[in-house]
All heavy atoms as atom14 arrays in JSON, in Angstrom:
{
  "sequence": "TNITIPKDLKARLEELAKKENRSFNMQVITILERYL",
  "atom14_mask": [
    [1, 1, 1, 1, 1, 1, 1, 0, 0, 0, 0, 0, 0, 0],
    [1, 1, 1, 1, 1, 1, 1, 1, 0, 0, 0, 0, 0, 0],
    [1, 1, 1, 1, 1, 1, 1, 1, 0, 0, 0, 0, 0, 0],
    [1, 1, 1, 1, 1, 1, 1, 0, 0, 0, 0, 0, 0, 0],
    [1, 1, 1, 1, 1, 1, 1, 1, 0, 0, 0, 0, 0, 0],
    [1, 1, 1, 1, 1, 1, 1, 0, 0, 0, 0, 0, 0, 0],
    [1, 1, 1, 1, 1, 1, 1, 1, 1, 0, 0, 0, 0, 0],
    [1, 1, 1, 1, 1, 1, 1, 1, 0, 0, 0, 0, 0, 0],
    [1, 1, 1, 1, 1, 1, 1, 1, 0, 0, 0, 0, 0, 0],
    [1, 1, 1, 1, 1, 1, 1, 1, 1, 0, 0, 0, 0, 0],
    [1, 1, 1, 1, 1, 0, 0, 0, 0, 0, 0, 0, 0, 0],
    [1, 1, 1, 1, 1, 1, 1, 1, 1, 1, 1, 0, 0, 0],
    [1, 1, 1, 1, 1, 1, 1, 1, 0, 0, 0, 0, 0, 0],
    [1, 1, 1, 1, 1, 1, 1, 1, 1, 0, 0, 0, 0, 0],
    [1, 1, 1, 1, 1, 1, 1, 1, 1, 0, 0, 0, 0, 0],
    [1, 1, 1, 1, 1, 1, 1, 1, 0, 0, 0, 0, 0, 0],
    [1, 1, 1, 1, 1, 0, 0, 0, 0, 0, 0, 0, 0, 0],
    [1, 1, 1, 1, 1, 1, 1, 1, 1, 0, 0, 0, 0, 0],
    [1, 1, 1, 1, 1, 1, 1, 1, 1, 0, 0, 0, 0, 0],
    [1, 1, 1, 1, 1, 1, 1, 1, 1, 0, 0, 0, 0, 0],
    [1, 1, 1, 1, 1, 1, 1, 1, 0, 0, 0, 0, 0, 0],
    [1, 1, 1, 1, 1, 1, 1, 1, 1, 1, 1, 0, 0, 0],
    [1, 1, 1, 1, 1, 1, 0, 0, 0, 0, 0, 0, 0, 0],
    [1, 1, 1, 1, 1, 1, 1, 1, 1, 1, 1, 0, 0, 0],
    [1, 1, 1, 1, 1, 1, 1, 1, 0, 0, 0, 0, 0, 0],
    [1, 1, 1, 1, 1, 1, 1, 1, 0, 0, 0, 0, 0, 0],
    [1, 1, 1, 1, 1, 1, 1, 1, 1, 0, 0, 0, 0, 0],
    [1, 1, 1, 1, 1, 1, 1, 0, 0, 0, 0, 0, 0, 0],
    [1, 1, 1, 1, 1, 1, 1, 1, 0, 0, 0, 0, 0, 0],
    [1, 1, 1, 1, 1, 1, 1, 0, 0, 0, 0, 0, 0, 0],
    [1, 1, 1, 1, 1, 1, 1, 1, 0, 0, 0, 0, 0, 0],
    [1, 1, 1, 1, 1, 1, 1, 1, 0, 0, 0, 0, 0, 0],
    [1, 1, 1, 1, 1, 1, 1, 1, 1, 0, 0, 0, 0, 0],
    [1, 1, 1, 1, 1, 1, 1, 1, 1, 1, 1, 0, 0, 0],
    [1, 1, 1, 1, 1, 1, 1, 1, 1, 1, 1, 1, 0, 0],
    [1, 1, 1, 1, 1, 1, 1, 1, 0, 0, 0, 0, 0, 0]
  ],
  "atom14_positions": [
    [[-79.97, -61.53, 36.87], [-81.29, -61.22, 37.55], [-81.26, -59.82, 38.16], [-80.2, -59.34, 38.35], [-81.56, -62.26, 38.61], [-82.94, -62.09, 39.17], [-80.56, -62.24, 39.68], [0.0, 0.0, 0.0], [0.0, 0.0, 0.0], [0.0, 0.0, 0.0], [0.0, 0.0, 0.0], [0.0, 0.0, 0.0], [0.0, 0.0, 0.0], [0.0, 0.0, 0.0]],
    [[-82.39, -59.35, 38.42], [-82.53, -57.98, 38.98], [-83.22, -58.08, 40.42], [-84.33, -58.82, 40.36], [-83.21, -56.94, 38.19], [-82.43, -56.51, 36.96], [-81.28, -56.29, 37.03], [-83.06, -56.52, 35.8], [0.0, 0.0, 0.0], [0.0, 0.0, 0.0], [0.0, 0.0, 0.0], [0.0, 0.0, 0.0], [0.0, 0.0, 0.0], [0.0, 0.0, 0.0]],
    [[-82.74, -57.49, 41.39], [-83.46, -57.49, 42.67], [-83.44, -56.04, 43.28], [-82.61, -55.35, 42.83], [-82.8, -58.47, 43.71], [-81.42, -58.11, 44.04], [-82.89, -59.89, 43.31], [-80.76, -58.85, 45.23], [0.0, 0.0, 0.0], [0.0, 0.0, 0.0], [0.0, 0.0, 0.0], [0.0, 0.0, 0.0], [0.0, 0.0, 0.0], [0.0, 0.0, 0.0]],
    [[-84.41, -55.82, 43.97], [-84.52, -54.44, 44.63], [-84.28, -54.71, 46.12], [-85.0, -55.52, 46.8], [-85.93, -53.85, 44.41], [-86.06, -53.82, 43.03], [-85.95, -52.5, 45.11], [0.0, 0.0, 0.0], [0.0, 0.0, 0.0], [0.0, 0.0, 0.0], [0.0, 0.0, 0.0], [0.0, 0.0, 0.0], [0.0, 0.0, 0.0], [0.0, 0.0, 0.0]],
    [[-83.31, -54.01, 46.66], [-82.96, -54.15, 48.09], [-82.83, -52.72, 48.66], [-82.52, -51.77, 47.95], [-81.63, -54.97, 48.38], [-80.37, -54.2, 47.75], [-81.79, -56.36, 47.85], [-79.06, -54.95, 48.05], [0.0, 0.0, 0.0], [0.0, 0.0, 0.0], [0.0, 0.0, 0.0], [0.0, 0.0, 0.0], [0.0, 0.0, 0.0], [0.0, 0.0, 0.0]],
    [[-83.0, -52.55, 50.03], [-82.78, -51.35, 50.55], [-81.41, -50.79, 50.51], [-80.45, -51.56, 50.37], [-83.1, -51.61, 52.12], [-83.91, -52.85, 52.08], [-83.37, -53.6, 50.94], [0.0, 0.0, 0.0], [0.0, 0.0, 0.0], [0.0, 0.0, 0.0], [0.0, 0.0, 0.0], [0.0, 0.0, 0.0], [0.0, 0.0, 0.0], [0.0, 0.0, 0.0]],
    [[-81.23, -49.52, 50.3], [-79.99, -48.86, 50.17], [-78.88, -49.11, 51.25], [-77.76, -49.47, 51.04], [-80.05, -47.31, 49.93], [-80.69, -46.97, 48.6], [-80.67, -45.43, 48.49], [-81.43, -45.13, 47.09], [-81.42, -43.63, 46.84], [0.0, 0.0, 0.0], [0.0, 0.0, 0.0], [0.0, 0.0, 0.0], [0.0, 0.0, 0.0], [0.0, 0.0, 0.0]],
    [[-79.46, -49.16, 52.45], [-78.56, -49.41, 53.64], [-78.13, -50.89, 53.6], [-77.0, -51.16, 53.94], [-79.22, -49.09, 54.84], [-80.56, -49.92, 55.18], [-81.34, -50.2, 54.22], [-80.74, -50.29, 56.37], [0.0, 0.0, 0.0], [0.0, 0.0, 0.0], [0.0, 0.0, 0.0], [0.0, 0.0, 0.0], [0.0, 0.0, 0.0], [0.0, 0.0, 0.0]],
    [[-78.85, -51.85, 53.11], [-78.48, -53.2, 52.99], [-77.39, -53.33, 51.87], [-76.33, -53.97, 52.08], [-79.65, -54.12, 52.57], [-79.22, -55.59, 52.46], [-78.56, -56.22, 53.63], [-80.45, -56.43, 52.07], [0.0, 0.0, 0.0], [0.0, 0.0, 0.0], [0.0, 0.0, 0.0], [0.0, 0.0, 0.0], [0.0, 0.0, 0.0], [0.0, 0.0, 0.0]],
    [[-77.53, -52.61, 50.85], [-76.53, -52.67, 49.76], [-75.23, -52.09, 50.23], [-74.1, -52.58, 49.95], [-77.01, -51.89, 48.56], [-76.02, -51.94, 47.38], [-76.54, -51.36, 46.1], [-75.6, -51.66, 44.99], [-74.58, -50.55, 44.86], [0.0, 0.0, 0.0], [0.0, 0.0, 0.0], [0.0, 0.0, 0.0], [0.0, 0.0, 0.0], [0.0, 0.0, 0.0]],
    [[-75.3, -51.01, 50.98], [-74.1, -50.32, 51.57], [-73.33, -51.3, 52.52], [-72.07, -51.46, 52.46], [-74.46, -49.01, 52.27], [0.0, 0.0, 0.0], [0.0, 0.0, 0.0], [0.0, 0.0, 0.0], [0.0, 0.0, 0.0], [0.0, 0.0, 0.0], [0.0, 0.0, 0.0], [0.0, 0.0, 0.0], [0.0, 0.0, 0.0], [0.0, 0.0, 0.0]],
    [[-74.13, -52.06, 53.37], [-73.49, -53.0, 54.26], [-72.86, -54.16, 53.48], [-71.81, -54.56, 53.85], [-74.51, -53.53, 55.23], [-75.08, -52.5, 56.22], [-76.24, -52.95, 56.95], [-76.03, -54.13, 57.74], [-77.09, -54.93, 58.16], [-78.31, -54.6, 58.01], [-76.8, -55.98, 58.79], [0.0, 0.0, 0.0], [0.0, 0.0, 0.0], [0.0, 0.0, 0.0]],
    [[-73.56, -54.63, 52.39], [-72.9, -55.69, 51.68], [-71.63, -55.29, 50.88], [-70.71, -55.96, 50.76], [-73.96, -56.26, 50.56], [-75.17, -57.0, 51.08], [-76.2, -57.13, 50.24], [-74.66, -58.36, 51.68], [0.0, 0.0, 0.0], [0.0, 0.0, 0.0], [0.0, 0.0, 0.0], [0.0, 0.0, 0.0], [0.0, 0.0, 0.0], [0.0, 0.0, 0.0]],
    [[-71.7, -54.0, 50.45], [-70.49, -53.45, 49.75], [-69.3, -53.34, 50.71], [-68.15, -53.62, 50.3], [-70.8, -52.01, 49.16], [-71.72, -52.17, 47.93], [-72.18, -50.79, 47.41], [-72.38, -49.87, 48.2], [-72.32, -50.78, 46.15], [0.0, 0.0, 0.0], [0.0, 0.0, 0.0], [0.0, 0.0, 0.0], [0.0, 0.0, 0.0], [0.0, 0.0, 0.0]],
    [[-69.61, -52.9, 51.98], [-68.58, -52.77, 52.93], [-67.96, -54.17, 53.32], [-66.79, -54.32, 53.44], [-69.07, -52.07, 54.2], [-68.05, -51.82, 55.21], [-66.89, -50.91, 54.82], [-67.16, -50.01, 53.97], [-65.73, -51.11, 55.18], [0.0, 0.0, 0.0], [0.0, 0.0, 0.0], [0.0, 0.0, 0.0], [0.0, 0.0, 0.0], [0.0, 0.0, 0.0]],
    [[-68.83, -55.12, 53.49], [-68.42, -56.49, 53.78], [-67.56, -57.03, 52.56], [-66.5, -57.64, 52.84], [-69.66, -57.45, 53.99], [-69.33, -58.78, 54.47], [-68.45, -58.89, 55.69], [-70.5, -59.65, 54.6], [0.0, 0.0, 0.0], [0.0, 0.0, 0.0], [0.0, 0.0, 0.0], [0.0, 0.0, 0.0], [0.0, 0.0, 0.0], [0.0, 0.0, 0.0]],
    [[-68.02, -56.84, 51.36], [-67.36, -57.3, 50.18], [-65.88, -56.75, 50.13], [-64.89, -57.34, 49.89], [-68.02, -56.94, 49.02], [0.0, 0.0, 0.0], [0.0, 0.0, 0.0], [0.0, 0.0, 0.0], [0.0, 0.0, 0.0], [0.0, 0.0, 0.0], [0.0, 0.0, 0.0], [0.0, 0.0, 0.0], [0.0, 0.0, 0.0], [0.0, 0.0, 0.0]],
    [[-65.8, -55.37, 50.51], [-64.53, -54.7, 50.41], [-63.63, -55.31, 51.53], [-62.47, -55.64, 51.24], [-64.68, -53.16, 50.88], [-63.41, -52.4, 50.73], [-63.8, -50.9, 50.99], [-62.53, -50.1, 50.87], [-62.79, -48.69, 51.14], [0.0, 0.0, 0.0], [0.0, 0.0, 0.0], [0.0, 0.0, 0.0], [0.0, 0.0, 0.0], [0.0, 0.0, 0.0]],
    [[-64.18, -55.54, 52.75], [-63.33, -56.21, 53.82], [-62.92, -57.62, 53.45], [-61.74, -58.04, 53.84], [-64.17, -56.3, 55.08], [-64.43, -54.98, 55.73], [-65.15, -55.18, 57.13], [-65.43, -53.85, 57.74], [-66.29, -53.91, 58.89], [0.0, 0.0, 0.0], [0.0, 0.0, 0.0], [0.0, 0.0, 0.0], [0.0, 0.0, 0.0], [0.0, 0.0, 0.0]],
    [[-63.65, -58.34, 52.68], [-63.33, -59.73, 52.27], [-62.74, -59.74, 50.96], [-62.58, -60.89, 50.33], [-64.56, -60.61, 52.45], [-65.05, -60.68, 53.82], [-66.19, -61.67, 54.08], [-66.65, -62.38, 53.16], [-66.76, -61.75, 55.2], [0.0, 0.0, 0.0], [0.0, 0.0, 0.0], [0.0, 0.0, 0.0], [0.0, 0.0, 0.0], [0.0, 0.0, 0.0]],
    [[-62.32, -58.59, 50.41], [-61.71, -58.59, 49.0], [-62.48, -59.27, 48.02], [-61.83, -60.01, 47.16], [-60.21, -59.16, 49.17], [-59.33, -58.55, 48.07], [-59.56, -57.52, 47.43], [-58.45, -59.46, 47.61], [0.0, 0.0, 0.0], [0.0, 0.0, 0.0], [0.0, 0.0, 0.0], [0.0, 0.0, 0.0], [0.0, 0.0, 0.0], [0.0, 0.0, 0.0]],
    [[-63.78, -59.03, 47.92], [-64.66, -59.59, 46.9], [-65.34, -58.41, 46.22], [-65.62, -57.43, 46.84], [-65.74, -60.5, 47.49], [-65.13, -61.8, 47.98], [-66.36, -62.67, 48.42], [-65.87, -63.86, 48.98], [-66.01, -64.23, 50.21], [-66.46, -63.35, 51.13], [-65.47, -65.32, 50.62], [0.0, 0.0, 0.0], [0.0, 0.0, 0.0], [0.0, 0.0, 0.0]],
    [[-65.87, -58.65, 45.0], [-66.78, -57.8, 44.34], [-68.13, -57.86, 45.06], [-68.36, -58.87, 45.76], [-66.95, -58.25, 42.89], [-67.61, -59.34, 42.71], [0.0, 0.0, 0.0], [0.0, 0.0, 0.0], [0.0, 0.0, 0.0], [0.0, 0.0, 0.0], [0.0, 0.0, 0.0], [0.0, 0.0, 0.0], [0.0, 0.0, 0.0], [0.0, 0.0, 0.0]],
    [[-68.98, -56.82, 44.89], [-70.3, -56.92, 45.43], [-71.06, -58.1, 44.91], [-71.69, -58.88, 45.73], [-71.14, -55.62, 45.02], [-72.53, -55.67, 45.41], [-72.89, -55.48, 46.75], [-73.53, -56.04, 44.52], [-74.27, -55.4, 47.12], [-74.81, -55.99, 44.91], [-75.17, -55.72, 46.2], [0.0, 0.0, 0.0], [0.0, 0.0, 0.0], [0.0, 0.0, 0.0]],
    [[-70.99, -58.38, 43.61], [-71.64, -59.6, 43.13], [-71.22, -60.88, 43.71], [-72.0, -61.73, 44.1], [-71.43, -59.69, 41.58], [-72.16, -60.77, 40.88], [-73.39, -60.55, 40.76], [-71.46, -61.73, 40.45], [0.0, 0.0, 0.0], [0.0, 0.0, 0.0], [0.0, 0.0, 0.0], [0.0, 0.0, 0.0], [0.0, 0.0, 0.0], [0.0, 0.0, 0.0]],
    [[-69.82, -61.05, 43.87], [-69.34, -62.27, 44.42], [-69.71, -62.55, 45.94], [-69.86, -63.54, 46.42], [-67.8, -62.42, 44.24], [-67.45, -62.78, 42.84], [-68.26, -64.24, 42.18], [-67.68, -65.56, 43.39], [0.0, 0.0, 0.0], [0.0, 0.0, 0.0], [0.0, 0.0, 0.0], [0.0, 0.0, 0.0], [0.0, 0.0, 0.0], [0.0, 0.0, 0.0]],
    [[-69.85, -61.29, 46.57], [-70.23, -61.33, 47.97], [-71.65, -61.83, 48.14], [-71.88, -62.66, 48.99], [-70.04, -59.92, 48.65], [-70.24, -59.88, 50.12], [-69.21, -60.67, 50.87], [-68.1, -60.54, 50.62], [-69.64, -61.47, 51.78], [0.0, 0.0, 0.0], [0.0, 0.0, 0.0], [0.0, 0.0, 0.0], [0.0, 0.0, 0.0], [0.0, 0.0, 0.0]],
    [[-72.51, -61.44, 47.31], [-73.88, -61.76, 47.31], [-73.96, -63.28, 46.96], [-74.67, -64.05, 47.65], [-74.81, -60.93, 46.37], [-76.11, -61.55, 46.3], [-74.83, -59.53, 46.87], [0.0, 0.0, 0.0], [0.0, 0.0, 0.0], [0.0, 0.0, 0.0], [0.0, 0.0, 0.0], [0.0, 0.0, 0.0], [0.0, 0.0, 0.0], [0.0, 0.0, 0.0]],
    [[-73.25, -63.68, 46.05], [-73.24, -65.1, 45.66], [-72.82, -65.93, 46.77], [-73.4, -66.98, 47.14], [-72.42, -65.44, 44.37], [-73.15, -64.81, 43.07], [-72.12, -66.95, 44.12], [-72.28, -64.82, 41.84], [0.0, 0.0, 0.0], [0.0, 0.0, 0.0], [0.0, 0.0, 0.0], [0.0, 0.0, 0.0], [0.0, 0.0, 0.0], [0.0, 0.0, 0.0]],
    [[-71.71, -65.51, 47.43], [-71.06, -66.35, 48.52], [-72.1, -66.4, 49.67], [-72.23, -67.59, 50.23], [-69.74, -65.67, 48.96], [-68.83, -65.64, 47.98], [-69.17, -66.41, 50.19], [0.0, 0.0, 0.0], [0.0, 0.0, 0.0], [0.0, 0.0, 0.0], [0.0, 0.0, 0.0], [0.0, 0.0, 0.0], [0.0, 0.0, 0.0], [0.0, 0.0, 0.0]],
    [[-72.74, -65.42, 50.06], [-73.8, -65.35, 51.12], [-74.91, -66.26, 50.76], [-75.32, -67.11, 51.64], [-74.25, -63.93, 51.45], [-73.1, -63.2, 52.0], [-75.5, -63.95, 52.28], [-73.38, -61.62, 52.11], [0.0, 0.0, 0.0], [0.0, 0.0, 0.0], [0.0, 0.0, 0.0], [0.0, 0.0, 0.0], [0.0, 0.0, 0.0], [0.0, 0.0, 0.0]],
    [[-75.37, -66.28, 49.61], [-76.47, -67.11, 49.15], [-76.05, -68.51, 49.13], [-76.81, -69.44, 49.55], [-76.96, -66.69, 47.77], [-77.75, -65.41, 47.7], [-77.99, -64.99, 46.25], [-78.99, -65.46, 48.48], [0.0, 0.0, 0.0], [0.0, 0.0, 0.0], [0.0, 0.0, 0.0], [0.0, 0.0, 0.0], [0.0, 0.0, 0.0], [0.0, 0.0, 0.0]],
    [[-74.86, -68.82, 48.62], [-74.45, -70.25, 48.63], [-74.24, -70.8, 50.05], [-74.66, -72.03, 50.43], [-73.11, -70.43, 47.94], [-73.35, -70.33, 46.41], [-71.92, -70.29, 45.66], [-70.9, -69.99, 46.22], [-71.93, -70.6, 44.48], [0.0, 0.0, 0.0], [0.0, 0.0, 0.0], [0.0, 0.0, 0.0], [0.0, 0.0, 0.0], [0.0, 0.0, 0.0]],
    [[-73.72, -70.01, 50.97], [-73.55, -70.36, 52.39], [-74.93, -70.62, 52.96], [-75.1, -71.67, 53.77], [-72.78, -69.24, 53.19], [-71.34, -69.28, 52.9], [-70.7, -68.13, 53.74], [-69.3, -67.98, 53.43], [-68.6, -66.93, 53.71], [-69.12, -66.01, 54.39], [-67.36, -66.85, 53.38], [0.0, 0.0, 0.0], [0.0, 0.0, 0.0], [0.0, 0.0, 0.0]],
    [[-75.86, -69.83, 52.76], [-77.25, -69.93, 53.36], [-77.86, -71.3, 52.82], [-78.43, -72.0, 53.66], [-78.0, -68.77, 52.96], [-79.46, -68.89, 53.36], [-79.84, -68.58, 54.74], [-80.47, -69.35, 52.67], [-81.09, -68.7, 55.2], [-81.83, -69.5, 53.14], [-82.04, -69.26, 54.37], [-83.42, -69.38, 54.89], [0.0, 0.0, 0.0], [0.0, 0.0, 0.0]],
    [[-77.79, -71.59, 51.53], [-78.38, -72.68, 50.96], [-77.63, -73.9, 51.38], [-78.33, -75.12, 51.45], [-78.31, -72.58, 49.52], [-79.28, -71.53, 48.85], [-79.06, -71.5, 47.36], [-80.8, -71.9, 49.25], [0.0, 0.0, 0.0], [0.0, 0.0, 0.0], [0.0, 0.0, 0.0], [0.0, 0.0, 0.0], [0.0, 0.0, 0.0], [0.0, 0.0, 0.0]]
  ]
}
């Protein structure tokens, strides 16, 4: 799927993914699963 998000949000997600040793994609999936 394709989504459009603000650049600053993407940067924050990338930083969080790096801290948690995940890829950007897996970080987004993890956040969505936790939310649901």
